[in-house]
């Protein structure tokens, strides 16, 4: 039996969380990506398929997908040029609520080079990191980093590349230096 965790805004233009809990006593993979697309419990998209596949391959029976920015968009050029303050505030609240339920968890950094596509993505990440720190969560990436040092986006991965610890402190300095 699977229980879905799913929260959107009233008109479904923002998604704050999507997850599947099949065994509450088993490890949960928390994924932090860039923004949500069309995925929903009754309509899984290719990104969710990759997340589900990799989580199962590495012993995670549960996964929860969170995003730096909650606006639903299939293509990044559809995203707001200026971040919606109501969405960002709610997103941080939901992230805090989810991470408080999974203290000491590994968070999969999975946004790829898209972190530079909107000025507010690094700003949001810098607000999320202290929340994760508060709960003792640590970061990891899957496969090699990009040339710029970004953790690769969760859709474009090869099986068997494996997990590595991700130095979030050094990364935040890196992306700050790129702006």
C-alpha atoms as a PDB file:
ATOM      1  CA  UNK A   1       0.000   0.000   0.000  1.00  0.00           C
ATOM      2  CA  UNK A   2       1.349   3.426  -0.972  1.00  0.00           C
ATOM      3  CA  UNK A   3       0.417   6.717   0.602  1.00  0.00           C
ATOM      4  CA  UNK A   4       0.958   9.794  -1.515  1.00  0.00           C
ATOM      5  CA  UNK A   5       2.057  13.123  -0.099  1.00  0.00           C
ATOM      6  CA  UNK A   6       0.863  15.828  -2.446  1.00  0.00           C
ATOM      7  CA  UNK A   7       0.342  19.542  -1.961  1.00  0.00           C
ATOM      8  CA  UNK A   8      -0.377  22.217  -4.540  1.00  0.00           C
ATOM      9  CA  UNK A   9      -1.847  25.686  -4.440  1.00  0.00           C
ATOM     10  CA  UNK A  10      -5.570  26.193  -5.079  1.00  0.00           C
ATOM     11  CA  UNK A  11      -5.283  26.502  -8.858  1.00  0.00           C
ATOM     12  CA  UNK A  12      -2.529  23.863  -9.221  1.00  0.00           C
ATOM     13  CA  UNK A  13      -0.010  26.295 -10.700  1.00  0.00           C
ATOM     14  CA  UNK A  14       2.419  25.579  -7.854  1.00  0.00           C
ATOM     15  CA  UNK A  15       3.328  22.194  -6.385  1.00  0.00           C
ATOM     16  CA  UNK A  16       5.069  22.145  -3.041  1.00  0.00           C
ATOM     17  CA  UNK A  17       5.567  18.451  -2.450  1.00  0.00           C
ATOM     18  CA  UNK A  18       5.000  15.121  -4.140  1.00  0.00           C
ATOM     19  CA  UNK A  19       6.050  11.915  -2.500  1.00  0.00           C
ATOM     20  CA  UNK A  20       5.218   8.265  -2.135  1.00  0.00           C
ATOM     21  CA  UNK A  21       5.511   6.468   1.193  1.00  0.00           C
ATOM     22  CA  UNK A  22       5.224   2.700   0.835  1.00  0.00           C
ATOM     23  CA  UNK A  23       6.850   1.746   4.153  1.00  0.00           C
ATOM     24  CA  UNK A  24       7.010   4.454   6.844  1.00  0.00           C
ATOM     25  CA  UNK A  25       9.694   2.510   8.743  1.00  0.00           C
ATOM     26  CA  UNK A  26      11.996   2.299   5.691  1.00  0.00           C
ATOM     27  CA  UNK A  27      14.503   4.954   4.522  1.00  0.00           C
ATOM     28  CA  UNK A  28      13.092   7.909   2.610  1.00  0.00           C
ATOM     29  CA  UNK A  29      14.898   9.593  -0.271  1.00  0.00           C
ATOM     30  CA  UNK A  30      14.305  13.337  -0.290  1.00  0.00           C
ATOM     31  CA  UNK A  31      14.970  14.932  -3.662  1.00  0.00           C
ATOM     32  CA  UNK A  32      15.576  18.660  -4.088  1.00  0.00           C
ATOM     33  CA  UNK A  33      15.245  19.695  -7.690  1.00  0.00           C
ATOM     34  CA  UNK A  34      14.616  22.930  -9.547  1.00  0.00           C
ATOM     35  CA  UNK A  35      10.831  23.146 -10.091  1.00  0.00           C
ATOM     36  CA  UNK A  36       7.909  20.759 -10.561  1.00  0.00           C
ATOM     37  CA  UNK A  37       6.391  19.870 -13.885  1.00  0.00           C
ATOM     38  CA  UNK A  38       3.160  17.940 -14.462  1.00  0.00           C
ATOM     39  CA  UNK A  39       3.784  15.079 -12.040  1.00  0.00           C
ATOM     40  CA  UNK A  40       0.972  14.085  -9.708  1.00  0.00           C
ATOM     41  CA  UNK A  41      -0.008  10.854  -7.948  1.00  0.00           C
ATOM     42  CA  UNK A  42      -2.255   9.905 -10.868  1.00  0.00           C
ATOM     43  CA  UNK A  43       0.096  11.285 -13.548  1.00  0.00           C
ATOM     44  CA  UNK A  44       3.751  10.467 -12.991  1.00  0.00           C
ATOM     45  CA  UNK A  45       6.158  12.154 -15.382  1.00  0.00           C
ATOM     46  CA  UNK A  46       9.601  10.942 -16.584  1.00  0.00           C
ATOM     47  CA  UNK A  47      11.408  12.738 -13.739  1.00  0.00           C
ATOM     48  CA  UNK A  48       9.321  10.924 -11.140  1.00  0.00           C
ATOM     49  CA  UNK A  49       9.950   7.659 -12.988  1.00  0.00           C
ATOM     50  CA  UNK A  50      13.713   8.203 -12.674  1.00  0.00           C
ATOM     51  CA  UNK A  51      13.390   9.120  -9.002  1.00  0.00           C
ATOM     52  CA  UNK A  52      11.269   6.063  -8.265  1.00  0.00           C
ATOM     53  CA  UNK A  53      13.663   3.777 -10.188  1.00  0.00           C
ATOM     54  CA  UNK A  54      16.830   5.091  -8.525  1.00  0.00           C
ATOM     55  CA  UNK A  55      15.310   5.186  -5.071  1.00  0.00           C
ATOM     56  CA  UNK A  56      14.260   1.529  -5.363  1.00  0.00           C
ATOM     57  CA  UNK A  57      17.663   0.504  -6.789  1.00  0.00           C
ATOM     58  CA  UNK A  58      19.410   1.964  -3.749  1.00  0.00           C
ATOM     59  CA  UNK A  59      17.068   0.595  -1.093  1.00  0.00           C
ATOM     60  CA  UNK A  60      14.804   3.566  -0.556  1.00  0.00           C
ATOM     61  CA  UNK A  61      11.203   2.445  -0.329  1.00  0.00           C
ATOM     62  CA  UNK A  62       9.932   6.008  -0.067  1.00  0.00           C
ATOM     63  CA  UNK A  63      10.656   9.233  -1.919  1.00  0.00           C
ATOM     64  CA  UNK A  64       9.667  12.855  -1.498  1.00  0.00           C
ATOM     65  CA  UNK A  65      10.209  15.431  -4.238  1.00  0.00           C
ATOM     66  CA  UNK A  66      10.719  19.063  -3.228  1.00  0.00           C
ATOM     67  CA  UNK A  67      11.784  21.999  -5.390  1.00  0.00           C
ATOM     68  CA  UNK A  68      13.742  25.215  -5.083  1.00  0.00           C
ATOM     69  CA  UNK A  69      10.777  27.021  -6.636  1.00  0.00           C
ATOM     70  CA  UNK A  70       7.255  25.531  -6.713  1.00  0.00           C
ATOM     71  CA  UNK A  71       5.909  26.954  -9.982  1.00  0.00           C
ATOM     72  CA  UNK A  72       4.752  24.194 -12.287  1.00  0.00           C
ATOM     73  CA  UNK A  73       6.382  24.493 -15.696  1.00  0.00           C
ATOM     74  CA  UNK A  74       7.497  21.898 -18.188  1.00  0.00           C
ATOM     75  CA  UNK A  75      10.065  24.258 -19.711  1.00  0.00           C
ATOM     76  CA  UNK A  76      12.208  26.606 -17.664  1.00  0.00           C
ATOM     77  CA  UNK A  77      11.536  29.528 -20.003  1.00  0.00           C
ATOM     78  CA  UNK A  78       7.917  29.374 -18.743  1.00  0.00           C
ATOM     79  CA  UNK A  79       8.990  30.240 -15.185  1.00  0.00           C
ATOM     80  CA  UNK A  80       8.401  33.616 -13.578  1.00  0.00           C
ATOM     81  CA  UNK A  81      11.160  36.169 -14.143  1.00  0.00           C
ATOM     82  CA  UNK A  82      10.585  37.402 -10.597  1.00  0.00           C
ATOM     83  CA  UNK A  83       9.822  34.904  -7.831  1.00  0.00           C
ATOM     84  CA  UNK A  84       6.290  34.919  -6.432  1.00  0.00           C
ATOM     85  CA  UNK A  85       6.733  35.816  -2.726  1.00  0.00           C
ATOM     86  CA  UNK A  86       3.628  33.886  -1.620  1.00  0.00           C
ATOM     87  CA  UNK A  87       4.879  30.739  -3.348  1.00  0.00           C
ATOM     88  CA  UNK A  88       8.404  31.068  -1.976  1.00  0.00           C
ATOM     89  CA  UNK A  89       7.131  31.599   1.579  1.00  0.00           C
ATOM     90  CA  UNK A  90       4.808  28.599   1.370  1.00  0.00           C
ATOM     91  CA  UNK A  91       7.528  26.484  -0.240  1.00  0.00           C
ATOM     92  CA  UNK A  92       9.929  27.190   2.634  1.00  0.00           C
ATOM     93  CA  UNK A  93       7.187  26.363   5.152  1.00  0.00           C
ATOM     94  CA  UNK A  94       6.406  23.040   3.450  1.00  0.00           C
ATOM     95  CA  UNK A  95      10.108  22.165   3.163  1.00  0.00           C
ATOM     96  CA  UNK A  96      10.519  22.863   6.872  1.00  0.00           C
ATOM     97  CA  UNK A  97       7.478  20.705   7.670  1.00  0.00           C
ATOM     98  CA  UNK A  98       8.719  17.784   5.546  1.00  0.00           C
ATOM     99  CA  UNK A  99      12.322  17.913   6.772  1.00  0.00           C
ATOM    100  CA  UNK A 100      11.146  18.110  10.392  1.00  0.00           C
ATOM    101  CA  UNK A 101       9.492  14.710   9.847  1.00  0.00           C
ATOM    102  CA  UNK A 102      12.707  13.175   8.444  1.00  0.00           C
ATOM    103  CA  UNK A 103      15.594  14.467  10.599  1.00  0.00           C
ATOM    104  CA  UNK A 104      19.071  13.223   9.757  1.00  0.00           C
ATOM    105  CA  UNK A 105      18.072  12.350   6.203  1.00  0.00           C
ATOM    106  CA  UNK A 106      20.219  12.549   3.086  1.00  0.00           C
ATOM    107  CA  UNK A 107      18.858  15.033   0.560  1.00  0.00           C
ATOM    108  CA  UNK A 108      19.586  14.373  -3.092  1.00  0.00           C
ATOM    109  CA  UNK A 109      20.743  17.638  -4.742  1.00  0.00           C
ATOM    110  CA  UNK A 110      19.372  17.271  -8.272  1.00  0.00           C
ATOM    111  CA  UNK A 111      18.980  20.575 -10.100  1.00  0.00           C
ATOM    112  CA  UNK A 112      21.754  20.514 -12.680  1.00  0.00           C
ATOM    113  CA  UNK A 113      22.977  23.608 -14.467  1.00  0.00           C
ATOM    114  CA  UNK A 114      19.429  24.978 -14.293  1.00  0.00           C
ATOM    115  CA  UNK A 115      20.368  26.650 -10.988  1.00  0.00           C
ATOM    116  CA  UNK A 116      21.606  29.596 -13.094  1.00  0.00           C
ATOM    117  CA  UNK A 117      18.428  29.904 -15.201  1.00  0.00           C
ATOM    118  CA  UNK A 118      16.713  32.228 -12.723  1.00  0.00           C
ATOM    119  CA  UNK A 119      18.462  34.595 -10.307  1.00  0.00           C
ATOM    120  CA  UNK A 120      16.209  33.452  -7.472  1.00  0.00           C
ATOM    121  CA  UNK A 121      17.149  29.742  -7.584  1.00  0.00           C
ATOM    122  CA  UNK A 122      20.453  30.210  -5.694  1.00  0.00           C
ATOM    123  CA  UNK A 123      18.693  32.617  -3.326  1.00  0.00           C
ATOM    124  CA  UNK A 124      16.065  29.986  -2.530  1.00  0.00           C
ATOM    125  CA  UNK A 125      18.709  27.297  -2.082  1.00  0.00           C
ATOM    126  CA  UNK A 126      20.549  29.539   0.388  1.00  0.00           C
ATOM    127  CA  UNK A 127      17.304  29.766   2.402  1.00  0.00           C
ATOM    128  CA  UNK A 128      16.688  26.003   2.283  1.00  0.00           C
ATOM    129  CA  UNK A 129      20.151  24.923   3.453  1.00  0.00           C
ATOM    130  CA  UNK A 130      19.733  26.291   7.017  1.00  0.00           C
ATOM    131  CA  UNK A 131      16.421  24.441   7.286  1.00  0.00           C
ATOM    132  CA  UNK A 132      18.156  21.181   6.348  1.00  0.00           C
ATOM    133  CA  UNK A 133      21.000  21.996   8.748  1.00  0.00           C
ATOM    134  CA  UNK A 134      18.515  22.541  11.562  1.00  0.00           C
ATOM    135  CA  UNK A 135      17.364  18.922  11.229  1.00  0.00           C
ATOM    136  CA  UNK A 136      20.818  17.436  10.722  1.00  0.00           C
ATOM    137  CA  UNK A 137      20.154  16.581   7.084  1.00  0.00           C
ATOM    138  CA  UNK A 138      23.098  16.197   4.724  1.00  0.00           C
ATOM    139  CA  UNK A 139      23.351  16.470   0.961  1.00  0.00           C
ATOM    140  CA  UNK A 140      24.383  14.008  -1.725  1.00  0.00           C
ATOM    141  CA  UNK A 141      24.505  13.925  -5.497  1.00  0.00           C
ATOM    142  CA  UNK A 142      24.168  11.117  -8.002  1.00  0.00           C
ATOM    143  CA  UNK A 143      26.869  10.602 -10.610  1.00  0.00           C
ATOM    144  CA  UNK A 144      29.596  13.088 -11.467  1.00  0.00           C
ATOM    145  CA  UNK A 145      29.086  16.814 -11.036  1.00  0.00           C
ATOM    146  CA  UNK A 146      28.790  19.046 -14.096  1.00  0.00           C
ATOM    147  CA  UNK A 147      31.838  21.007 -15.298  1.00  0.00           C
ATOM    148  CA  UNK A 148      30.614  23.985 -13.273  1.00  0.00           C
ATOM    149  CA  UNK A 149      30.295  21.824 -10.154  1.00  0.00           C
ATOM    150  CA  UNK A 150      26.514  21.518 -10.170  1.00  0.00           C
ATOM    151  CA  UNK A 151      24.813  18.290  -9.080  1.00  0.00           C
ATOM    152  CA  UNK A 152      23.254  16.738 -12.159  1.00  0.00           C
ATOM    153  CA  UNK A 153      19.541  17.033 -12.826  1.00  0.00           C
ATOM    154  CA  UNK A 154      17.638  13.944 -11.736  1.00  0.00           C
ATOM    155  CA  UNK A 155      16.286  13.046 -15.192  1.00  0.00           C
ATOM    156  CA  UNK A 156      19.570  12.710 -17.097  1.00  0.00           C
ATOM    157  CA  UNK A 157      21.468   9.996 -15.247  1.00  0.00           C
ATOM    158  CA  UNK A 158      23.072   6.656 -15.972  1.00  0.00           C
ATOM    159  CA  UNK A 159      22.346   3.559 -13.894  1.00  0.00           C
ATOM    160  CA  UNK A 160      25.100   2.621 -11.502  1.00  0.00           C
ATOM    161  CA  UNK A 161      26.843   6.004 -11.264  1.00  0.00           C
ATOM    162  CA  UNK A 162      26.278   6.003  -7.511  1.00  0.00           C
ATOM    163  CA  UNK A 163      25.966   8.514  -4.713  1.00  0.00           C
ATOM    164  CA  UNK A 164      28.580  10.937  -3.417  1.00  0.00           C
ATOM    165  CA  UNK A 165      28.511  13.302  -0.474  1.00  0.00           C
ATOM    166  CA  UNK A 166      27.829  16.835  -1.661  1.00  0.00           C
ATOM    167  CA  UNK A 167      29.654  19.723   0.022  1.00  0.00           C
ATOM    168  CA  UNK A 168      26.843  22.259   0.208  1.00  0.00           C
ATOM    169  CA  UNK A 169      28.931  24.922   1.944  1.00  0.00           C
ATOM    170  CA  UNK A 170      31.527  24.918  -0.848  1.00  0.00           C
ATOM    171  CA  UNK A 171      28.759  24.792  -3.458  1.00  0.00           C
ATOM    172  CA  UNK A 172      26.988  27.867  -2.077  1.00  0.00           C
ATOM    173  CA  UNK A 173      30.290  29.761  -2.277  1.00  0.00           C
ATOM    174  CA  UNK A 174      30.778  28.493  -5.850  1.00  0.00           C
ATOM    175  CA  UNK A 175      27.385  29.659  -7.102  1.00  0.00           C
ATOM    176  CA  UNK A 176      27.692  32.961  -5.258  1.00  0.00           C
ATOM    177  CA  UNK A 177      30.958  33.519  -7.122  1.00  0.00           C
ATOM    178  CA  UNK A 178      29.228  32.855 -10.466  1.00  0.00           C
ATOM    179  CA  UNK A 179      26.623  35.595 -10.019  1.00  0.00           C
END
